[in-house]
Amino acid sequence: MMPWMFWGWGMWIFPVIGLIVFLFVIYFIFTRIFPGGGPVGGRTAGEQSPLEILKIRYAKGDISREEFERMKKDVTENGGAGR
């Protein structure tokens, strides 16, 4: 009996385990390099447009309605909302 025959038909399990570990490592690397949905996803999770930030500030009560409307006009005229 050959030494590799000791495992019998169970020898296929090691390449499968190796493949799973390899794919996990690749997944881990890509989630660290491209957080927030990958390279095609556009903005990352923490990145917001100026208009989104303005809406959040208004919702929190940091600025009044008049200030919100004035700043919104400035942001949309200058093209900052689309980034």
Protein backbone atom coordinates (compact mmCIF):
# COMPACT_ATOMS: atom_id res chain seq x y z
CA MET A 1 0.00 0.00 0.00
CA MET A 2 1.36 3.38 -1.01
CA PRO A 3 1.64 6.12 1.65
CA TRP A 4 -0.84 8.39 -0.16
CA MET A 5 -3.36 5.58 -0.35
CA PHE A 6 -3.78 5.69 3.44
CA TRP A 7 -6.45 8.37 3.08
CA GLY A 8 -8.22 6.55 0.28
CA TRP A 9 -10.85 8.64 -1.46
CA GLY A 10 -10.59 11.35 1.21
CA MET A 11 -7.55 12.97 -0.40
CA TRP A 12 -9.78 15.36 -2.39
CA ILE A 13 -10.68 17.23 0.80
CA PHE A 14 -7.30 18.97 1.17
CA PRO A 15 -7.41 20.78 -2.20
CA VAL A 16 -10.98 21.87 -1.46
CA ILE A 17 -9.98 23.24 1.96
CA GLY A 18 -7.02 25.00 0.36
CA LEU A 19 -9.29 26.55 -2.27
CA ILE A 20 -11.71 27.78 0.39
CA VAL A 21 -8.88 29.35 2.41
CA PHE A 22 -7.47 30.96 -0.74
CA LEU A 23 -10.84 32.47 -1.69
CA PHE A 24 -11.32 33.78 1.86
CA VAL A 25 -7.92 35.50 1.73
CA ILE A 26 -8.77 37.10 -1.63
CA TYR A 27 -12.15 38.27 -0.26
CA PHE A 28 -10.48 39.69 2.85
CA ILE A 29 -7.91 41.61 0.79
CA PHE A 30 -10.55 43.11 -1.54
CA THR A 31 -12.80 44.21 1.31
CA ARG A 32 -9.87 46.07 2.87
CA ILE A 33 -8.78 47.71 -0.40
CA PHE A 34 -12.28 48.62 -1.65
CA PRO A 35 -14.53 49.29 1.36
CA GLY A 36 -18.15 50.17 0.73
CA GLY A 37 -19.18 48.03 -2.20
CA GLY A 38 -16.12 47.56 -4.35
CA PRO A 39 -14.26 49.56 -6.95
CA VAL A 40 -17.28 50.03 -9.23
CA GLY A 41 -19.66 51.12 -6.45
CA GLY A 42 -18.79 54.81 -6.71
CA ARG A 43 -18.53 56.54 -3.38
CA THR A 44 -17.37 54.74 -0.30
CA ALA A 45 -19.66 54.30 2.69
CA GLY A 46 -18.25 57.25 4.64
CA GLU A 47 -18.25 59.68 1.72
CA GLN A 48 -21.29 61.95 1.27
CA SER A 49 -22.16 64.67 -1.19
CA PRO A 50 -22.35 68.27 0.04
CA LEU A 51 -26.13 68.24 -0.45
CA GLU A 52 -26.49 65.11 1.69
CA ILE A 53 -24.41 66.72 4.44
CA LEU A 54 -26.53 69.87 4.20
CA LYS A 55 -29.75 67.85 4.54
CA ILE A 56 -28.37 66.08 7.60
CA ARG A 57 -27.38 69.38 9.23
CA TYR A 58 -30.86 70.78 8.58
CA ALA A 59 -32.51 67.64 9.96
CA LYS A 60 -30.41 67.88 13.12
CA GLY A 61 -31.41 71.51 13.58
CA ASP A 62 -27.89 72.91 13.14
CA ILE A 63 -29.09 75.40 10.53
CA SER A 64 -32.35 77.25 9.93
CA ARG A 65 -34.60 76.83 6.89
CA GLU A 66 -33.34 80.09 5.37
CA GLU A 67 -29.73 79.02 5.78
CA PHE A 68 -30.56 75.61 4.32
CA GLU A 69 -32.22 77.11 1.24
CA ARG A 70 -29.35 79.58 0.70
CA MET A 71 -26.68 76.89 1.07
CA LYS A 72 -28.65 74.45 -1.09
CA LYS A 73 -28.79 77.05 -3.84
CA ASP A 74 -25.03 77.63 -3.56
CA VAL A 75 -24.26 73.92 -3.65
CA THR A 76 -26.52 73.11 -6.62
CA GLU A 77 -25.37 76.14 -8.67
CA ASN A 78 -21.71 75.29 -8.17
CA GLY A 79 -22.20 71.67 -9.18
CA GLY A 80 -21.10 70.36 -5.79
CA ALA A 81 -24.12 68.13 -5.35
CA GLY A 82 -23.13 65.71 -8.12
CA ARG A 83 -19.45 65.45 -7.26
